[in-house]
N, C-alpha and C. Protein backbone atom coordinates (compact mmCIF):
# COMPACT_ATOMS: atom_id res chain seq x y z
N UNK A 1 58.31 15.74 -22.85
CA UNK A 1 59.13 16.89 -23.24
C UNK A 1 58.52 18.19 -22.75
N UNK A 2 57.16 18.25 -22.63
CA UNK A 2 56.53 19.46 -22.13
C UNK A 2 57.01 19.78 -20.72
N UNK A 3 57.15 18.74 -19.89
CA UNK A 3 57.63 18.96 -18.52
C UNK A 3 59.04 19.54 -18.53
N UNK A 4 59.87 19.07 -19.45
CA UNK A 4 61.23 19.60 -19.54
C UNK A 4 61.22 21.08 -19.83
N UNK A 5 60.44 21.51 -20.81
CA UNK A 5 60.41 22.92 -21.18
C UNK A 5 59.71 23.78 -20.14
N UNK A 6 58.98 23.16 -19.23
CA UNK A 6 58.39 23.89 -18.12
C UNK A 6 59.32 23.94 -16.91
N UNK A 7 60.53 23.37 -17.08
CA UNK A 7 61.53 23.41 -16.03
C UNK A 7 61.39 22.34 -14.97
N UNK A 8 60.56 21.31 -15.25
CA UNK A 8 60.30 20.29 -14.23
C UNK A 8 60.94 18.95 -14.54
N UNK A 9 61.63 18.82 -15.65
CA UNK A 9 62.14 17.51 -16.01
C UNK A 9 63.49 17.57 -16.67
N UNK A 10 63.92 16.43 -17.16
CA UNK A 10 65.19 16.30 -17.85
C UNK A 10 64.94 15.69 -19.23
N UNK A 11 65.91 15.89 -20.11
CA UNK A 11 65.77 15.41 -21.49
C UNK A 11 67.10 14.89 -21.97
N UNK A 12 67.10 13.68 -22.54
CA UNK A 12 68.30 13.13 -23.15
C UNK A 12 68.05 12.92 -24.63
N UNK A 13 68.93 13.48 -25.46
CA UNK A 13 68.83 13.34 -26.91
C UNK A 13 69.95 12.46 -27.42
N UNK A 14 69.63 11.52 -28.29
CA UNK A 14 70.62 10.68 -28.95
C UNK A 14 71.06 11.38 -30.22
N UNK A 15 72.35 11.56 -30.37
CA UNK A 15 72.88 12.29 -31.52
C UNK A 15 73.60 11.32 -32.44
N UNK A 16 73.10 11.18 -33.64
CA UNK A 16 73.66 10.23 -34.61
C UNK A 16 74.70 10.91 -35.49
N UNK A 17 75.61 10.10 -36.02
CA UNK A 17 76.65 10.59 -36.93
C UNK A 17 76.03 11.14 -38.21
N UNK A 18 76.64 12.19 -38.76
CA UNK A 18 76.18 12.77 -40.02
C UNK A 18 75.10 13.81 -39.85
N UNK A 19 75.02 14.41 -38.66
CA UNK A 19 74.02 15.45 -38.40
C UNK A 19 74.71 16.77 -38.09
N UNK A 20 74.08 17.87 -38.49
CA UNK A 20 74.65 19.18 -38.21
C UNK A 20 73.61 20.26 -38.45
N UNK A 21 73.92 21.45 -37.95
CA UNK A 21 73.14 22.66 -38.20
C UNK A 21 74.15 23.74 -38.51
N UNK A 22 74.33 24.00 -39.82
CA UNK A 22 75.39 24.93 -40.25
C UNK A 22 75.12 25.32 -41.69
N UNK A 23 75.46 26.56 -42.02
CA UNK A 23 75.26 27.06 -43.38
C UNK A 23 76.52 27.74 -43.86
N UNK A 24 76.95 27.41 -45.06
CA UNK A 24 78.05 28.13 -45.69
C UNK A 24 77.79 28.14 -47.19
N UNK A 25 78.42 29.03 -47.94
CA UNK A 25 78.14 29.11 -49.38
C UNK A 25 78.30 27.75 -50.05
N UNK A 26 77.25 27.32 -50.72
CA UNK A 26 77.28 26.06 -51.45
C UNK A 26 76.91 24.84 -50.65
N UNK A 27 76.80 24.97 -49.32
CA UNK A 27 76.46 23.82 -48.49
C UNK A 27 75.50 24.23 -47.39
N UNK A 28 74.57 23.32 -47.09
CA UNK A 28 73.61 23.57 -46.03
C UNK A 28 73.41 22.28 -45.23
N UNK A 29 73.50 22.39 -43.92
CA UNK A 29 73.29 21.24 -43.05
C UNK A 29 72.19 21.61 -42.07
N UNK A 30 71.09 20.89 -42.08
CA UNK A 30 69.96 21.23 -41.23
C UNK A 30 69.26 19.99 -40.68
N UNK A 31 70.06 18.96 -40.35
CA UNK A 31 69.47 17.73 -39.83
C UNK A 31 69.94 17.42 -38.41
N UNK A 32 70.35 18.45 -37.67
CA UNK A 32 70.73 18.25 -36.27
C UNK A 32 69.51 17.82 -35.46
N UNK A 33 69.76 17.20 -34.32
CA UNK A 33 68.68 16.85 -33.40
C UNK A 33 68.33 18.10 -32.60
N UNK A 34 67.10 18.59 -32.77
CA UNK A 34 66.68 19.87 -32.19
C UNK A 34 65.30 19.71 -31.55
N UNK A 35 65.13 20.29 -30.38
CA UNK A 35 63.82 20.37 -29.73
C UNK A 35 63.64 21.81 -29.27
N UNK A 36 62.51 22.44 -29.63
CA UNK A 36 62.31 23.85 -29.32
C UNK A 36 60.93 24.10 -28.73
N UNK A 37 60.79 25.29 -28.17
CA UNK A 37 59.52 25.77 -27.63
C UNK A 37 59.36 27.23 -28.08
N UNK A 38 58.14 27.70 -28.31
CA UNK A 38 57.97 29.09 -28.75
C UNK A 38 58.26 30.09 -27.64
N UNK A 39 58.73 31.28 -28.03
CA UNK A 39 58.84 32.41 -27.13
C UNK A 39 57.76 33.42 -27.49
N UNK A 40 57.52 34.36 -26.61
CA UNK A 40 56.66 35.49 -26.94
C UNK A 40 57.50 36.55 -27.63
N UNK A 41 56.88 37.65 -28.04
CA UNK A 41 57.64 38.76 -28.60
C UNK A 41 58.37 39.48 -27.47
N UNK A 42 59.37 40.28 -27.85
CA UNK A 42 60.11 41.04 -26.86
C UNK A 42 61.27 40.27 -26.27
N UNK A 43 61.69 40.70 -25.09
CA UNK A 43 62.87 40.12 -24.47
C UNK A 43 62.61 38.78 -23.81
N UNK A 44 63.67 37.99 -23.67
CA UNK A 44 63.60 36.73 -22.94
C UNK A 44 65.02 36.33 -22.52
N UNK A 45 65.09 35.42 -21.58
CA UNK A 45 66.34 34.78 -21.19
C UNK A 45 66.09 33.28 -21.10
N UNK A 46 66.82 32.51 -21.90
CA UNK A 46 66.69 31.06 -21.91
C UNK A 46 68.01 30.44 -21.48
N UNK A 47 67.94 29.46 -20.60
CA UNK A 47 69.16 28.80 -20.14
C UNK A 47 68.90 27.32 -19.94
N UNK A 48 69.98 26.53 -19.96
CA UNK A 48 69.87 25.09 -19.75
C UNK A 48 71.21 24.56 -19.26
N UNK A 49 71.16 23.54 -18.43
CA UNK A 49 72.37 22.85 -17.99
C UNK A 49 72.56 21.64 -18.90
N UNK A 50 73.78 21.51 -19.45
CA UNK A 50 74.08 20.47 -20.43
C UNK A 50 75.18 19.56 -19.87
N UNK A 51 74.99 18.25 -19.99
CA UNK A 51 76.01 17.29 -19.62
C UNK A 51 76.27 16.38 -20.82
N UNK A 52 77.54 16.26 -21.20
CA UNK A 52 77.91 15.38 -22.31
C UNK A 52 79.15 14.58 -21.91
N UNK A 53 79.28 13.40 -22.51
CA UNK A 53 80.44 12.55 -22.25
C UNK A 53 80.92 11.95 -23.57
N UNK A 54 82.21 11.71 -23.64
CA UNK A 54 82.80 10.99 -24.77
C UNK A 54 82.52 11.65 -26.11
N UNK A 55 82.81 12.94 -26.20
CA UNK A 55 82.76 13.63 -27.49
C UNK A 55 84.07 13.31 -28.21
N UNK A 56 84.09 12.20 -28.92
CA UNK A 56 85.33 11.73 -29.53
C UNK A 56 85.45 12.08 -31.00
N UNK A 57 84.35 12.51 -31.61
CA UNK A 57 84.37 12.86 -33.02
C UNK A 57 84.52 14.36 -33.24
N UNK A 58 85.27 14.72 -34.25
CA UNK A 58 85.46 16.14 -34.58
C UNK A 58 84.11 16.80 -34.83
N UNK A 59 83.93 17.98 -34.25
CA UNK A 59 82.73 18.81 -34.37
C UNK A 59 81.51 18.27 -33.63
N UNK A 60 81.63 17.20 -32.87
CA UNK A 60 80.50 16.79 -32.05
C UNK A 60 80.16 17.91 -31.07
N UNK A 61 78.87 18.16 -30.84
CA UNK A 61 78.46 19.38 -30.14
C UNK A 61 77.11 19.21 -29.46
N UNK A 62 76.85 20.04 -28.46
CA UNK A 62 75.55 20.07 -27.80
C UNK A 62 75.39 21.41 -27.11
N UNK A 63 74.13 21.89 -27.05
CA UNK A 63 73.91 23.17 -26.38
C UNK A 63 72.51 23.71 -26.59
N UNK A 64 72.43 25.03 -26.60
CA UNK A 64 71.18 25.78 -26.69
C UNK A 64 71.03 26.34 -28.11
N UNK A 65 69.78 26.48 -28.57
CA UNK A 65 69.55 27.01 -29.91
C UNK A 65 68.42 28.03 -29.87
N UNK A 66 68.56 29.07 -30.70
CA UNK A 66 67.52 30.10 -30.89
C UNK A 66 67.30 30.24 -32.38
N UNK A 67 66.04 30.37 -32.81
CA UNK A 67 65.73 30.55 -34.23
C UNK A 67 64.57 31.50 -34.40
N UNK A 68 64.60 32.27 -35.49
CA UNK A 68 63.52 33.22 -35.72
C UNK A 68 62.21 32.52 -36.06
N UNK A 69 62.29 31.33 -36.67
CA UNK A 69 61.10 30.52 -36.95
C UNK A 69 61.54 29.11 -37.29
N UNK A 70 60.60 28.20 -37.43
CA UNK A 70 60.94 26.80 -37.65
C UNK A 70 61.62 26.56 -38.99
N UNK A 71 61.27 27.35 -40.01
CA UNK A 71 61.88 27.15 -41.33
C UNK A 71 63.37 27.47 -41.30
N UNK A 72 63.79 28.33 -40.37
CA UNK A 72 65.20 28.67 -40.26
C UNK A 72 66.03 27.44 -39.92
N UNK A 73 65.42 26.47 -39.23
CA UNK A 73 66.13 25.27 -38.80
C UNK A 73 65.98 24.10 -39.77
N UNK A 74 64.97 24.15 -40.63
CA UNK A 74 64.66 22.98 -41.46
C UNK A 74 64.79 23.19 -42.96
N UNK A 75 64.70 24.43 -43.40
CA UNK A 75 64.71 24.71 -44.84
C UNK A 75 66.14 25.03 -45.30
N UNK A 76 66.80 24.05 -45.88
CA UNK A 76 68.18 24.24 -46.30
C UNK A 76 68.34 25.19 -47.47
N UNK A 77 67.26 25.52 -48.16
CA UNK A 77 67.35 26.41 -49.32
C UNK A 77 67.07 27.87 -48.97
N UNK A 78 66.66 28.13 -47.74
CA UNK A 78 66.28 29.49 -47.36
C UNK A 78 67.49 30.40 -47.32
N UNK A 79 67.37 31.56 -47.98
CA UNK A 79 68.43 32.56 -47.95
C UNK A 79 68.26 33.52 -46.78
N UNK A 80 67.17 33.35 -46.03
CA UNK A 80 66.91 34.24 -44.90
C UNK A 80 67.04 33.53 -43.56
N UNK A 81 67.65 32.36 -43.55
CA UNK A 81 67.79 31.61 -42.31
C UNK A 81 68.52 32.44 -41.27
N UNK A 82 67.97 32.48 -40.05
CA UNK A 82 68.58 33.26 -38.97
C UNK A 82 68.41 32.48 -37.67
N UNK A 83 69.52 32.07 -37.10
CA UNK A 83 69.48 31.31 -35.85
C UNK A 83 70.84 31.38 -35.15
N UNK A 84 70.86 31.00 -33.88
CA UNK A 84 72.08 30.95 -33.07
C UNK A 84 72.11 29.61 -32.35
N UNK A 85 73.27 28.98 -32.32
CA UNK A 85 73.46 27.82 -31.46
C UNK A 85 74.73 28.06 -30.63
N UNK A 86 74.70 27.57 -29.38
CA UNK A 86 75.81 27.83 -28.47
C UNK A 86 75.95 26.67 -27.49
N UNK A 87 77.18 26.26 -27.24
CA UNK A 87 77.41 25.16 -26.30
C UNK A 87 78.85 24.72 -26.32
N UNK A 88 79.05 23.41 -26.24
CA UNK A 88 80.39 22.82 -26.28
C UNK A 88 80.54 22.05 -27.59
N UNK A 89 81.77 22.07 -28.15
CA UNK A 89 82.04 21.39 -29.42
C UNK A 89 83.48 20.87 -29.40
N UNK A 90 83.68 19.68 -29.94
CA UNK A 90 85.03 19.13 -30.04
C UNK A 90 85.65 19.61 -31.35
N UNK A 91 86.80 20.26 -31.23
CA UNK A 91 87.49 20.82 -32.40
C UNK A 91 88.99 20.70 -32.21
N UNK A 92 89.67 20.13 -33.19
CA UNK A 92 91.11 19.91 -33.13
C UNK A 92 91.52 19.15 -31.87
N UNK A 93 90.71 18.16 -31.51
CA UNK A 93 91.07 17.27 -30.42
C UNK A 93 90.76 17.74 -29.03
N UNK A 94 90.14 18.93 -28.88
CA UNK A 94 89.83 19.45 -27.56
C UNK A 94 88.40 19.99 -27.53
N UNK A 95 87.86 20.07 -26.33
CA UNK A 95 86.54 20.66 -26.17
C UNK A 95 86.64 22.17 -26.18
N UNK A 96 85.72 22.81 -26.88
CA UNK A 96 85.70 24.28 -26.99
C UNK A 96 84.30 24.79 -26.67
N UNK A 97 84.23 25.99 -26.14
CA UNK A 97 82.97 26.72 -26.10
C UNK A 97 82.74 27.26 -27.51
N UNK A 98 81.57 27.00 -28.06
CA UNK A 98 81.33 27.27 -29.48
C UNK A 98 80.03 28.05 -29.66
N UNK A 99 80.06 29.05 -30.54
CA UNK A 99 78.86 29.81 -30.90
C UNK A 99 78.81 29.94 -32.42
N UNK A 100 77.66 29.64 -33.01
CA UNK A 100 77.43 29.88 -34.43
C UNK A 100 76.26 30.83 -34.57
N UNK A 101 76.49 31.95 -35.24
CA UNK A 101 75.44 32.93 -35.55
C UNK A 101 75.19 32.88 -37.05
N UNK A 102 73.97 32.57 -37.42
CA UNK A 102 73.61 32.48 -38.84
C UNK A 102 72.65 33.60 -39.19
N UNK A 103 73.05 34.41 -40.18
CA UNK A 103 72.21 35.51 -40.67
C UNK A 103 72.24 35.46 -42.19
N UNK A 104 71.12 35.78 -42.82
CA UNK A 104 71.03 35.80 -44.28
C UNK A 104 71.53 34.48 -44.88
N UNK A 105 71.30 33.40 -44.17
CA UNK A 105 71.63 32.08 -44.70
C UNK A 105 73.08 31.67 -44.63
N UNK A 106 73.93 32.45 -43.92
CA UNK A 106 75.36 32.12 -43.82
C UNK A 106 75.76 32.10 -42.35
N UNK A 107 76.51 31.07 -41.95
CA UNK A 107 76.92 30.91 -40.56
C UNK A 107 78.27 31.55 -40.28
N UNK A 108 78.38 32.14 -39.10
CA UNK A 108 79.60 32.77 -38.58
C UNK A 108 79.95 32.02 -37.30
N UNK A 109 81.09 31.34 -37.27
CA UNK A 109 81.44 30.44 -36.17
C UNK A 109 82.59 31.00 -35.34
N UNK A 110 82.49 30.91 -34.02
CA UNK A 110 83.58 31.33 -33.13
C UNK A 110 83.73 30.30 -32.01
N UNK A 111 84.97 30.14 -31.52
CA UNK A 111 85.23 29.20 -30.44
C UNK A 111 86.09 29.87 -29.37
N UNK A 112 86.03 29.33 -28.15
CA UNK A 112 86.85 29.79 -27.04
C UNK A 112 87.33 28.57 -26.27
N UNK A 113 88.39 28.72 -25.51
CA UNK A 113 88.95 27.63 -24.72
C UNK A 113 87.93 27.19 -23.66
N UNK A 114 87.50 25.93 -23.71
CA UNK A 114 86.48 25.47 -22.78
C UNK A 114 87.01 25.42 -21.35
N UNK A 115 88.33 25.39 -21.18
CA UNK A 115 88.92 25.40 -19.83
C UNK A 115 88.55 26.68 -19.08
N UNK A 116 88.16 27.72 -19.79
CA UNK A 116 87.69 28.95 -19.13
C UNK A 116 86.49 28.67 -18.25
N UNK A 117 85.74 27.62 -18.60
CA UNK A 117 84.50 27.31 -17.89
C UNK A 117 84.62 26.04 -17.05
N UNK A 118 85.76 25.35 -17.13
CA UNK A 118 85.98 24.13 -16.37
C UNK A 118 87.40 24.13 -15.84
N UNK A 119 87.57 24.55 -14.60
CA UNK A 119 88.90 24.65 -14.02
C UNK A 119 89.54 23.29 -13.82
N UNK A 120 88.73 22.24 -13.72
CA UNK A 120 89.27 20.88 -13.59
C UNK A 120 89.57 20.37 -14.99
N UNK A 121 90.80 20.59 -15.46
CA UNK A 121 91.14 20.26 -16.84
C UNK A 121 91.15 18.77 -17.11
N UNK A 122 91.17 17.94 -16.07
CA UNK A 122 91.13 16.50 -16.29
C UNK A 122 89.83 16.07 -16.94
N UNK A 123 88.79 16.91 -16.80
CA UNK A 123 87.49 16.57 -17.39
C UNK A 123 87.42 16.88 -18.88
N UNK A 124 88.45 17.47 -19.43
CA UNK A 124 88.40 17.87 -20.83
C UNK A 124 88.86 16.76 -21.77
N UNK A 125 89.27 15.61 -21.22
CA UNK A 125 89.57 14.45 -22.04
C UNK A 125 88.29 13.97 -22.72
N UNK A 126 88.43 13.38 -23.91
CA UNK A 126 87.24 13.00 -24.68
C UNK A 126 86.37 11.98 -23.94
N UNK A 127 86.94 11.23 -22.99
CA UNK A 127 86.17 10.22 -22.28
C UNK A 127 85.53 10.76 -21.01
N UNK A 128 85.80 12.02 -20.69
CA UNK A 128 85.29 12.59 -19.45
C UNK A 128 83.91 13.22 -19.67
N UNK A 129 83.13 13.27 -18.62
CA UNK A 129 81.84 13.94 -18.67
C UNK A 129 82.02 15.39 -18.24
N UNK A 130 81.45 16.30 -18.99
CA UNK A 130 81.53 17.72 -18.65
C UNK A 130 80.13 18.31 -18.57
N UNK A 131 79.98 19.30 -17.71
CA UNK A 131 78.70 19.97 -17.57
C UNK A 131 78.88 21.47 -17.55
N UNK A 132 77.90 22.19 -18.04
CA UNK A 132 77.96 23.66 -18.10
C UNK A 132 76.55 24.18 -18.28
N UNK A 133 76.35 25.44 -17.93
CA UNK A 133 75.09 26.13 -18.20
C UNK A 133 75.33 27.16 -19.29
N UNK A 134 74.46 27.20 -20.27
CA UNK A 134 74.56 28.17 -21.36
C UNK A 134 73.27 28.98 -21.39
N UNK A 135 73.40 30.27 -21.69
CA UNK A 135 72.25 31.16 -21.66
C UNK A 135 72.23 32.05 -22.90
N UNK A 136 71.05 32.24 -23.47
CA UNK A 136 70.83 33.18 -24.56
C UNK A 136 69.80 34.20 -24.09
N UNK A 137 70.17 35.48 -24.19
CA UNK A 137 69.30 36.56 -23.72
C UNK A 137 69.01 37.51 -24.87
N UNK A 138 67.72 37.71 -25.17
CA UNK A 138 67.32 38.72 -26.14
C UNK A 138 66.78 39.92 -25.38
N UNK A 139 67.42 41.07 -25.56
CA UNK A 139 67.05 42.28 -24.83
C UNK A 139 65.90 43.00 -25.52
N UNK A 140 65.41 44.03 -24.86
CA UNK A 140 64.30 44.81 -25.42
C UNK A 140 64.66 45.48 -26.72
N UNK A 141 65.96 45.78 -26.92
CA UNK A 141 66.40 46.41 -28.17
C UNK A 141 66.71 45.38 -29.25
N UNK A 142 66.37 44.10 -29.01
CA UNK A 142 66.55 43.00 -29.96
C UNK A 142 68.00 42.61 -30.15
N UNK A 143 68.90 43.08 -29.29
CA UNK A 143 70.25 42.53 -29.28
C UNK A 143 70.21 41.18 -28.55
N UNK A 144 71.19 40.33 -28.84
CA UNK A 144 71.23 39.01 -28.22
C UNK A 144 72.61 38.77 -27.63
N UNK A 145 72.63 38.29 -26.38
CA UNK A 145 73.85 37.96 -25.67
C UNK A 145 73.90 36.46 -25.41
N UNK A 146 75.08 35.86 -25.62
CA UNK A 146 75.29 34.44 -25.33
C UNK A 146 76.33 34.35 -24.22
N UNK A 147 76.01 33.60 -23.16
CA UNK A 147 76.89 33.47 -22.01
C UNK A 147 76.99 32.02 -21.57
N UNK A 148 78.06 31.70 -20.81
CA UNK A 148 78.25 30.35 -20.32
C UNK A 148 78.88 30.41 -18.94
N UNK A 149 78.62 29.36 -18.12
CA UNK A 149 79.25 29.26 -16.82
C UNK A 149 79.43 27.80 -16.44
N UNK A 150 80.40 27.54 -15.58
CA UNK A 150 80.72 26.20 -15.11
C UNK A 150 79.92 25.94 -13.84
N UNK A 151 78.62 25.74 -14.00
CA UNK A 151 77.76 25.50 -12.84
C UNK A 151 76.42 24.97 -13.33
N UNK A 152 75.71 24.31 -12.43
CA UNK A 152 74.40 23.78 -12.78
C UNK A 152 73.29 24.78 -12.54
N UNK A 153 73.64 25.97 -12.05
CA UNK A 153 72.64 26.99 -11.74
C UNK A 153 72.73 28.13 -12.74
N UNK A 154 71.58 28.68 -13.12
CA UNK A 154 71.58 29.84 -14.02
C UNK A 154 71.33 31.12 -13.26
N UNK A 155 71.56 31.11 -11.96
CA UNK A 155 71.30 32.30 -11.14
C UNK A 155 72.15 33.47 -11.62
N UNK A 156 71.80 34.65 -11.16
CA UNK A 156 72.50 35.86 -11.59
C UNK A 156 73.78 36.11 -10.80
N UNK A 157 74.24 35.13 -10.07
CA UNK A 157 75.49 35.28 -9.33
C UNK A 157 76.66 35.33 -10.29
N UNK A 158 77.84 35.62 -9.74
CA UNK A 158 79.04 35.70 -10.57
C UNK A 158 79.31 34.38 -11.27
N UNK A 159 80.03 34.46 -12.36
CA UNK A 159 80.43 33.24 -13.05
C UNK A 159 80.11 33.23 -14.53
N UNK A 160 79.19 34.07 -14.97
CA UNK A 160 78.87 34.12 -16.40
C UNK A 160 80.03 34.70 -17.19
N UNK A 161 80.33 34.06 -18.30
CA UNK A 161 81.36 34.54 -19.22
C UNK A 161 80.70 34.86 -20.55
N UNK A 162 80.91 36.07 -21.04
CA UNK A 162 80.32 36.48 -22.32
C UNK A 162 81.03 35.79 -23.47
N UNK A 163 80.25 35.13 -24.33
CA UNK A 163 80.79 34.51 -25.53
C UNK A 163 80.51 35.31 -26.79
N UNK A 164 79.36 35.97 -26.83
CA UNK A 164 78.99 36.67 -28.07
C UNK A 164 77.92 37.70 -27.77
N UNK A 165 77.95 38.83 -28.48
CA UNK A 165 76.85 39.77 -28.50
C UNK A 165 76.60 40.14 -29.94
N UNK A 166 75.33 40.09 -30.36
CA UNK A 166 74.98 40.34 -31.75
C UNK A 166 73.70 41.18 -31.78
N UNK A 167 73.58 42.03 -32.80
CA UNK A 167 72.55 43.07 -32.81
C UNK A 167 71.55 42.90 -33.96
N UNK A 168 70.48 43.70 -33.84
CA UNK A 168 69.49 43.87 -34.92
C UNK A 168 68.76 42.59 -35.27
N UNK A 169 68.31 41.86 -34.25
CA UNK A 169 67.44 40.71 -34.47
C UNK A 169 65.99 41.16 -34.39
N UNK A 170 65.11 40.33 -34.84
CA UNK A 170 63.69 40.61 -34.73
C UNK A 170 63.24 40.43 -33.27
N UNK A 171 62.25 41.23 -32.86
CA UNK A 171 61.65 41.08 -31.53
C UNK A 171 60.38 40.23 -31.58
N UNK A 172 60.10 39.66 -32.74
CA UNK A 172 58.89 38.86 -32.92
C UNK A 172 58.98 37.53 -32.18
N UNK A 173 57.85 36.85 -31.98
CA UNK A 173 57.90 35.52 -31.39
C UNK A 173 58.88 34.64 -32.15
N UNK A 174 59.59 33.78 -31.42
CA UNK A 174 60.64 32.97 -32.02
C UNK A 174 60.63 31.59 -31.39
N UNK A 175 61.72 30.85 -31.56
CA UNK A 175 61.86 29.52 -30.98
C UNK A 175 63.17 29.45 -30.21
N UNK A 176 63.16 28.73 -29.10
CA UNK A 176 64.38 28.48 -28.35
C UNK A 176 64.32 27.06 -27.80
N UNK A 177 65.48 26.41 -27.68
CA UNK A 177 65.46 25.04 -27.20
C UNK A 177 66.86 24.45 -27.14
N UNK A 178 66.95 23.15 -27.34
CA UNK A 178 68.22 22.44 -27.19
C UNK A 178 68.55 21.71 -28.49
N UNK A 179 69.84 21.43 -28.68
CA UNK A 179 70.28 20.76 -29.90
C UNK A 179 71.54 19.96 -29.64
N UNK A 180 71.79 19.00 -30.53
CA UNK A 180 73.08 18.30 -30.57
C UNK A 180 73.33 17.84 -31.99
N UNK A 181 74.59 17.64 -32.34
CA UNK A 181 74.96 17.26 -33.70
C UNK A 181 76.30 16.54 -33.69
N UNK A 182 76.51 15.71 -34.72
CA UNK A 182 77.76 14.97 -34.89
C UNK A 182 78.07 14.91 -36.37
N UNK A 183 78.66 15.99 -36.91
CA UNK A 183 78.82 16.09 -38.37
C UNK A 183 79.72 15.04 -39.01
N UNK A 184 80.79 14.63 -38.34
CA UNK A 184 81.77 13.77 -38.98
C UNK A 184 81.84 12.41 -38.31
N UNK A 185 82.84 11.59 -38.71
CA UNK A 185 82.95 10.24 -38.19
C UNK A 185 83.15 10.24 -36.68
N UNK A 186 82.62 9.23 -36.06
CA UNK A 186 82.68 9.10 -34.61
C UNK A 186 81.39 8.45 -34.14
N UNK A 187 81.44 7.83 -32.98
CA UNK A 187 80.24 7.14 -32.49
C UNK A 187 79.13 8.11 -32.13
N UNK A 188 77.90 7.62 -32.18
CA UNK A 188 76.78 8.41 -31.68
C UNK A 188 76.98 8.68 -30.20
N UNK A 189 76.36 9.74 -29.69
CA UNK A 189 76.49 10.06 -28.28
C UNK A 189 75.18 10.61 -27.74
N UNK A 190 75.08 10.65 -26.42
CA UNK A 190 73.91 11.20 -25.76
C UNK A 190 74.24 12.56 -25.16
N UNK A 191 73.32 13.50 -25.32
CA UNK A 191 73.42 14.81 -24.67
C UNK A 191 72.28 14.91 -23.67
N UNK A 192 72.64 15.27 -22.45
CA UNK A 192 71.65 15.32 -21.36
C UNK A 192 71.41 16.78 -20.98
N UNK A 193 70.13 17.16 -20.92
CA UNK A 193 69.75 18.53 -20.63
C UNK A 193 68.84 18.56 -19.40
N UNK A 194 69.06 19.55 -18.54
CA UNK A 194 68.23 19.71 -17.35
C UNK A 194 68.16 21.18 -16.97
N UNK A 195 67.28 21.48 -16.03
CA UNK A 195 67.12 22.84 -15.49
C UNK A 195 66.86 23.87 -16.59
N UNK A 196 66.08 23.48 -17.61
CA UNK A 196 65.74 24.46 -18.65
C UNK A 196 64.87 25.56 -18.04
N UNK A 197 65.18 26.79 -18.43
CA UNK A 197 64.41 27.93 -17.91
C UNK A 197 64.22 28.94 -19.02
N UNK A 198 63.00 29.44 -19.16
CA UNK A 198 62.68 30.49 -20.12
C UNK A 198 61.91 31.58 -19.39
N UNK A 199 62.57 32.73 -19.23
CA UNK A 199 61.96 33.88 -18.59
C UNK A 199 61.69 34.94 -19.65
N UNK A 200 60.44 35.37 -19.77
CA UNK A 200 60.06 36.31 -20.81
C UNK A 200 59.66 37.64 -20.20
N UNK A 201 60.05 38.72 -20.86
CA UNK A 201 59.78 40.06 -20.33
C UNK A 201 59.00 40.88 -21.34
């Protein structure tokens, strides 16, 4: 896994049914499959190419995750949990670009049409394999931008689509990495990650 986070390898995570990373009043889910690496303080840009196939269960998901600390991802009782996850998620029978921003222990969820990032709509069937690059950028002012593109490269060329911008995060050292989850009924699935990159400023 160290080679993967150094940008030299690939990582496949098995995602079992009944897993999630989500917070709402009265309920806490913090058993998603997550792998992270520390960041330094200040700004950074983290990106990864994700490939998934056969997301047949509602809310099955895979992508990139950022957290202020490890307890934010594991302590279901914390009222100060703060993290972001972004990637692809199956919702109402279709694949969506999905972002969850959790602050003060409560999650705020938004989705967009995944076809925006995959012009070949035949790949959006639940049995098709889809790939995308997702990026989380923390700026010097501690704002965070989440972007996605339909490509295996995270280069600064055209193609990035803004999914979310959120403000007033800590600039302290944090965690960033990959995650997958399958909250409801449906078979387990594999999420494949490659070309992970973490640039710190």
